[in-house]
Amino acid sequence: MFLKFIKSPINAGAAAMIIGLIAVPIVSAVTRKPEDAFLNDLFSSYEQKVTVRRAHSLEDED
């Protein structure tokens, strides 16, 4: 909030969103794509089967 335009929290939020909309495509264009092996390792936890005990179900309510 060092600029007079950004004194208001609403203006600061709007400026942050606009800067993000500009910065993300630029950074994406400059950086290289991650390797497939890295991405597969990164998201491998989604392939694990997880069993959860449930004590309450929304289906039981009428």
PDB file of N, CA and C in Angstrom:
ATOM      1  N   MET A   1       0.830  -1.184   0.000  1.00  0.00           N
ATOM      2  CA  MET A   1       0.000   0.000   0.000  1.00  0.00           C
ATOM      3  C   MET A   1       0.876   1.249   0.000  1.00  0.00           C
ATOM      4  N   PHE A   2       1.956   1.173  -0.715  1.00  0.00           N
ATOM      5  CA  PHE A   2       2.891   2.288  -0.772  1.00  0.00           C
ATOM      6  C   PHE A   2       2.529   3.307  -1.843  1.00  0.00           C
ATOM      7  N   LEU A   3       1.626   2.955  -2.717  1.00  0.00           N
ATOM      8  CA  LEU A   3       1.156   3.915  -3.717  1.00  0.00           C
ATOM      9  C   LEU A   3      -0.184   4.480  -3.282  1.00  0.00           C
ATOM     10  N   LYS A   4      -0.496   5.682  -3.693  1.00  0.00           N
ATOM     11  CA  LYS A   4      -1.760   6.292  -3.286  1.00  0.00           C
ATOM     12  C   LYS A   4      -2.951   5.549  -3.872  1.00  0.00           C
ATOM     13  N   PHE A   5      -2.785   4.944  -5.059  1.00  0.00           N
ATOM     14  CA  PHE A   5      -3.879   4.191  -5.672  1.00  0.00           C
ATOM     15  C   PHE A   5      -4.218   2.954  -4.845  1.00  0.00           C
ATOM     16  N   ILE A   6      -3.230   2.410  -4.164  1.00  0.00           N
ATOM     17  CA  ILE A   6      -3.430   1.154  -3.447  1.00  0.00           C
ATOM     18  C   ILE A   6      -3.710   1.402  -1.957  1.00  0.00           C
ATOM     19  N   LYS A   7      -4.163   2.557  -1.577  1.00  0.00           N
ATOM     20  CA  LYS A   7      -4.503   2.813  -0.177  1.00  0.00           C
ATOM     21  C   LYS A   7      -5.690   1.973   0.254  1.00  0.00           C
ATOM     22  N   SER A   8      -6.646   1.803  -0.597  1.00  0.00           N
ATOM     23  CA  SER A   8      -7.847   1.047  -0.281  1.00  0.00           C
ATOM     24  C   SER A   8      -7.569  -0.451  -0.426  1.00  0.00           C
ATOM     25  N   PRO A   9      -8.052  -1.289   0.514  1.00  0.00           N
ATOM     26  CA  PRO A   9      -7.884  -2.729   0.384  1.00  0.00           C
ATOM     27  C   PRO A   9      -8.551  -3.289  -0.878  1.00  0.00           C
ATOM     28  N   ILE A  10      -9.639  -2.674  -1.302  1.00  0.00           N
ATOM     29  CA  ILE A  10     -10.309  -3.129  -2.524  1.00  0.00           C
ATOM     30  C   ILE A  10      -9.416  -2.872  -3.734  1.00  0.00           C
ATOM     31  N   ASN A  11      -8.810  -1.700  -3.796  1.00  0.00           N
ATOM     32  CA  ASN A  11      -7.895  -1.395  -4.895  1.00  0.00           C
ATOM     33  C   ASN A  11      -6.653  -2.275  -4.847  1.00  0.00           C
ATOM     34  N   ALA A  12      -6.159  -2.575  -3.647  1.00  0.00           N
ATOM     35  CA  ALA A  12      -4.996  -3.452  -3.514  1.00  0.00           C
ATOM     36  C   ALA A  12      -5.332  -4.851  -4.022  1.00  0.00           C
ATOM     37  N   GLY A  13      -6.510  -5.351  -3.691  1.00  0.00           N
ATOM     38  CA  GLY A  13      -6.924  -6.665  -4.180  1.00  0.00           C
ATOM     39  C   GLY A  13      -7.089  -6.682  -5.683  1.00  0.00           C
ATOM     40  N   ALA A  14      -7.671  -5.629  -6.230  1.00  0.00           N
ATOM     41  CA  ALA A  14      -7.848  -5.542  -7.683  1.00  0.00           C
ATOM     42  C   ALA A  14      -6.492  -5.469  -8.380  1.00  0.00           C
ATOM     43  N   ALA A  15      -5.566  -4.708  -7.825  1.00  0.00           N
ATOM     44  CA  ALA A  15      -4.230  -4.607  -8.421  1.00  0.00           C
ATOM     45  C   ALA A  15      -3.514  -5.957  -8.357  1.00  0.00           C
ATOM     46  N   ALA A  16      -3.663  -6.676  -7.248  1.00  0.00           N
ATOM     47  CA  ALA A  16      -3.029  -7.998  -7.121  1.00  0.00           C
ATOM     48  C   ALA A  16      -3.593  -8.971  -8.145  1.00  0.00           C
ATOM     49  N   MET A  17      -4.899  -8.936  -8.377  1.00  0.00           N
ATOM     50  CA  MET A  17      -5.498  -9.836  -9.370  1.00  0.00           C
ATOM     51  C   MET A  17      -5.028  -9.494 -10.776  1.00  0.00           C
ATOM     52  N   ILE A  18      -4.956  -8.218 -11.096  1.00  0.00           N
ATOM     53  CA  ILE A  18      -4.518  -7.807 -12.434  1.00  0.00           C
ATOM     54  C   ILE A  18      -3.050  -8.176 -12.645  1.00  0.00           C
ATOM     55  N   ILE A  19      -2.219  -7.954 -11.630  1.00  0.00           N
ATOM     56  CA  ILE A  19      -0.805  -8.316 -11.740  1.00  0.00           C
ATOM     57  C   ILE A  19      -0.662  -9.827 -11.913  1.00  0.00           C
ATOM     58  N   GLY A  20      -1.483 -10.598 -11.194  1.00  0.00           N
ATOM     59  CA  GLY A  20      -1.445 -12.052 -11.335  1.00  0.00           C
ATOM     60  C   GLY A  20      -1.864 -12.501 -12.724  1.00  0.00           C
ATOM     61  N   LEU A  21      -2.880 -11.858 -13.285  1.00  0.00           N
ATOM     62  CA  LEU A  21      -3.330 -12.204 -14.629  1.00  0.00           C
ATOM     63  C   LEU A  21      -2.258 -11.909 -15.681  1.00  0.00           C
ATOM     64  N   ILE A  22      -1.423 -10.949 -15.405  1.00  0.00           N
ATOM     65  CA  ILE A  22      -0.343 -10.613 -16.334  1.00  0.00           C
ATOM     66  C   ILE A  22       0.890 -11.486 -16.082  1.00  0.00           C
ATOM     67  N   ALA A  23       1.216 -11.720 -14.811  1.00  0.00           N
ATOM     68  CA  ALA A  23       2.458 -12.423 -14.457  1.00  0.00           C
ATOM     69  C   ALA A  23       2.403 -13.916 -14.764  1.00  0.00           C
ATOM     70  N   VAL A  24       1.280 -14.569 -14.541  1.00  0.00           N
ATOM     71  CA  VAL A  24       1.198 -16.027 -14.719  1.00  0.00           C
ATOM     72  C   VAL A  24       1.472 -16.438 -16.168  1.00  0.00           C
ATOM     73  N   PRO A  25       0.853 -15.840 -17.170  1.00  0.00           N
ATOM     74  CA  PRO A  25       1.190 -16.246 -18.541  1.00  0.00           C
ATOM     75  C   PRO A  25       2.643 -15.956 -18.922  1.00  0.00           C
ATOM     76  N   ILE A  26       3.197 -14.857 -18.422  1.00  0.00           N
ATOM     77  CA  ILE A  26       4.589 -14.530 -18.741  1.00  0.00           C
ATOM     78  C   ILE A  26       5.528 -15.565 -18.134  1.00  0.00           C
ATOM     79  N   VAL A  27       5.318 -15.910 -16.861  1.00  0.00           N
ATOM     80  CA  VAL A  27       6.171 -16.912 -16.207  1.00  0.00           C
ATOM     81  C   VAL A  27       5.990 -18.273 -16.868  1.00  0.00           C
ATOM     82  N   SER A  28       4.771 -18.624 -17.249  1.00  0.00           N
ATOM     83  CA  SER A  28       4.518 -19.896 -17.921  1.00  0.00           C
ATOM     84  C   SER A  28       5.211 -19.958 -19.272  1.00  0.00           C
ATOM     85  N   ALA A  29       5.271 -18.855 -19.974  1.00  0.00           N
ATOM     86  CA  ALA A  29       5.924 -18.839 -21.279  1.00  0.00           C
ATOM     87  C   ALA A  29       7.439 -18.930 -21.151  1.00  0.00           C
ATOM     88  N   VAL A  30       7.985 -18.401 -20.062  1.00  0.00           N
ATOM     89  CA  VAL A  30       9.437 -18.369 -19.889  1.00  0.00           C
ATOM     90  C   VAL A  30       9.970 -19.687 -19.327  1.00  0.00           C
ATOM     91  N   THR A  31       9.248 -20.324 -18.429  1.00  0.00           N
ATOM     92  CA  THR A  31       9.736 -21.552 -17.803  1.00  0.00           C
ATOM     93  C   THR A  31       9.473 -22.753 -18.704  1.00  0.00           C
ATOM     94  N   ARG A  32      10.272 -23.799 -18.506  1.00  0.00           N
ATOM     95  CA  ARG A  32      10.100 -24.990 -19.332  1.00  0.00           C
ATOM     96  C   ARG A  32       9.092 -25.941 -18.698  1.00  0.00           C
ATOM     97  N   LYS A  33       8.524 -26.801 -19.518  1.00  0.00           N
ATOM     98  CA  LYS A  33       7.518 -27.754 -19.076  1.00  0.00           C
ATOM     99  C   LYS A  33       8.183 -28.838 -18.217  1.00  0.00           C
ATOM    100  N   PRO A  34       7.552 -29.231 -17.087  1.00  0.00           N
ATOM    101  CA  PRO A  34       8.132 -30.310 -16.276  1.00  0.00           C
ATOM    102  C   PRO A  34       8.078 -31.642 -17.028  1.00  0.00           C
ATOM    103  N   GLU A  35       9.000 -32.524 -16.696  1.00  0.00           N
ATOM    104  CA  GLU A  35       9.043 -33.833 -17.346  1.00  0.00           C
ATOM    105  C   GLU A  35       7.856 -34.679 -16.885  1.00  0.00           C
ATOM    106  N   ASP A  36       7.416 -35.581 -17.767  1.00  0.00           N
ATOM    107  CA  ASP A  36       6.267 -36.435 -17.451  1.00  0.00           C
ATOM    108  C   ASP A  36       6.529 -37.318 -16.243  1.00  0.00           C
ATOM    109  N   ALA A  37       7.749 -37.824 -16.092  1.00  0.00           N
ATOM    110  CA  ALA A  37       8.083 -38.685 -14.952  1.00  0.00           C
ATOM    111  C   ALA A  37       7.924 -37.916 -13.637  1.00  0.00           C
ATOM    112  N   PHE A  38       8.319 -36.666 -13.628  1.00  0.00           N
ATOM    113  CA  PHE A  38       8.177 -35.844 -12.418  1.00  0.00           C
ATOM    114  C   PHE A  38       6.704 -35.628 -12.081  1.00  0.00           C
ATOM    115  N   LEU A  39       5.891 -35.324 -13.081  1.00  0.00           N
ATOM    116  CA  LEU A  39       4.465 -35.104 -12.841  1.00  0.00           C
ATOM    117  C   LEU A  39       3.760 -36.378 -12.399  1.00  0.00           C
ATOM    118  N   ASN A  40       4.125 -37.513 -13.003  1.00  0.00           N
ATOM    119  CA  ASN A  40       3.535 -38.786 -12.588  1.00  0.00           C
ATOM    120  C   ASN A  40       3.886 -39.108 -11.146  1.00  0.00           C
ATOM    121  N   ASP A  41       5.128 -38.844 -10.743  1.00  0.00           N
ATOM    122  CA  ASP A  41       5.532 -39.067  -9.358  1.00  0.00           C
ATOM    123  C   ASP A  41       4.820 -38.099  -8.422  1.00  0.00           C
ATOM    124  N   LEU A  42       4.658 -36.878  -8.865  1.00  0.00           N
ATOM    125  CA  LEU A  42       4.020 -35.846  -8.047  1.00  0.00           C
ATOM    126  C   LEU A  42       2.565 -36.186  -7.734  1.00  0.00           C
ATOM    127  N   PHE A  43       1.840 -36.709  -8.734  1.00  0.00           N
ATOM    128  CA  PHE A  43       0.422 -37.000  -8.565  1.00  0.00           C
ATOM    129  C   PHE A  43       0.138 -38.478  -8.344  1.00  0.00           C
ATOM    130  N   SER A  44       1.138 -39.265  -7.999  1.00  0.00           N
ATOM    131  CA  SER A  44       0.949 -40.707  -7.810  1.00  0.00           C
ATOM    132  C   SER A  44       0.069 -41.025  -6.606  1.00  0.00           C
ATOM    133  N   SER A  45      -0.015 -40.135  -5.645  1.00  0.00           N
ATOM    134  CA  SER A  45      -0.837 -40.409  -4.458  1.00  0.00           C
ATOM    135  C   SER A  45      -2.329 -40.477  -4.803  1.00  0.00           C
ATOM    136  N   TYR A  46      -2.736 -39.911  -5.928  1.00  0.00           N
ATOM    137  CA  TYR A  46      -4.142 -39.966  -6.326  1.00  0.00           C
ATOM    138  C   TYR A  46      -4.545 -41.359  -6.803  1.00  0.00           C
ATOM    139  N   GLU A  47      -3.576 -42.204  -7.094  1.00  0.00           N
ATOM    140  CA  GLU A  47      -3.867 -43.542  -7.562  1.00  0.00           C
ATOM    141  C   GLU A  47      -3.987 -44.555  -6.428  1.00  0.00           C
ATOM    142  N   GLN A  48      -3.706 -44.149  -5.192  1.00  0.00           N
ATOM    143  CA  GLN A  48      -3.763 -45.057  -4.053  1.00  0.00           C
ATOM    144  C   GLN A  48      -5.206 -45.218  -3.592  1.00  0.00           C
ATOM    145  N   LYS A  49      -5.552 -46.462  -3.231  1.00  0.00           N
ATOM    146  CA  LYS A  49      -6.883 -46.734  -2.705  1.00  0.00           C
ATOM    147  C   LYS A  49      -6.866 -46.450  -1.205  1.00  0.00           C
ATOM    148  N   VAL A  50      -7.853 -45.692  -0.752  1.00  0.00           N
ATOM    149  CA  VAL A  50      -7.942 -45.308   0.654  1.00  0.00           C
ATOM    150  C   VAL A  50      -9.296 -45.754   1.182  1.00  0.00           C
ATOM    151  N   THR A  51      -9.298 -46.460   2.294  1.00  0.00           N
ATOM    152  CA  THR A  51     -10.527 -46.897   2.930  1.00  0.00           C
ATOM    153  C   THR A  51     -10.762 -46.027   4.152  1.00  0.00           C
ATOM    154  N   VAL A  52     -11.954 -45.468   4.243  1.00  0.00           N
ATOM    155  CA  VAL A  52     -12.282 -44.565   5.329  1.00  0.00           C
ATOM    156  C   VAL A  52     -13.483 -45.125   6.079  1.00  0.00           C
ATOM    157  N   ARG A  53     -13.387 -45.194   7.395  1.00  0.00           N
ATOM    158  CA  ARG A  53     -14.495 -45.635   8.212  1.00  0.00           C
ATOM    159  C   ARG A  53     -15.441 -44.457   8.394  1.00  0.00           C
ATOM    160  N   ARG A  54     -16.719 -44.696   8.215  1.00  0.00           N
ATOM    161  CA  ARG A  54     -17.660 -43.596   8.331  1.00  0.00           C
ATOM    162  C   ARG A  54     -18.607 -43.895   9.479  1.00  0.00           C
ATOM    163  N   ALA A  55     -18.817 -42.893  10.305  1.00  0.00           N
ATOM    164  CA  ALA A  55     -19.691 -43.044  11.451  1.00  0.00           C
ATOM    165  C   ALA A  55     -21.069 -42.426  11.190  1.00  0.00           C
ATOM    166  N   HIS A  56     -21.130 -41.548  10.214  1.00  0.00           N
ATOM    167  CA  HIS A  56     -22.381 -40.839   9.929  1.00  0.00           C
ATOM    168  C   HIS A  56     -22.487 -40.651   8.424  1.00  0.00           C
ATOM    169  N   SER A  57     -23.664 -40.838   7.908  1.00  0.00           N
ATOM    170  CA  SER A  57     -23.866 -40.673   6.474  1.00  0.00           C
ATOM    171  C   SER A  57     -25.034 -39.743   6.216  1.00  0.00           C
ATOM    172  N   LEU A  58     -24.906 -38.905   5.223  1.00  0.00           N
ATOM    173  CA  LEU A  58     -26.001 -38.012   4.864  1.00  0.00           C
ATOM    174  C   LEU A  58     -27.155 -38.800   4.240  1.00  0.00           C
ATOM    175  N   GLU A  59     -26.864 -39.980   3.694  1.00  0.00           N
ATOM    176  CA  GLU A  59     -27.905 -40.790   3.084  1.00  0.00           C
ATOM    177  C   GLU A  59     -28.887 -41.333   4.117  1.00  0.00           C
ATOM    178  N   ASP A  60     -28.455 -41.452   5.380  1.00  0.00           N
ATOM    179  CA  ASP A  60     -29.308 -42.015   6.423  1.00  0.00           C
ATOM    180  C   ASP A  60     -30.370 -41.014   6.911  1.00  0.00           C
ATOM    181  N   GLU A  61     -30.167 -39.745   6.654  1.00  0.00           N
ATOM    182  CA  GLU A  61     -31.103 -38.726   7.147  1.00  0.00           C
ATOM    183  C   GLU A  61     -32.325 -38.615   6.233  1.00  0.00           C
ATOM    184  N   ASP A  62     -33.476 -38.417   6.827  1.00  0.00           N
ATOM    185  CA  ASP A  62     -34.704 -38.201   6.050  1.00  0.00           C
ATOM    186  C   ASP A  62     -35.242 -36.815   6.251  1.00  0.00           C
TER     187      ASP A  62
END
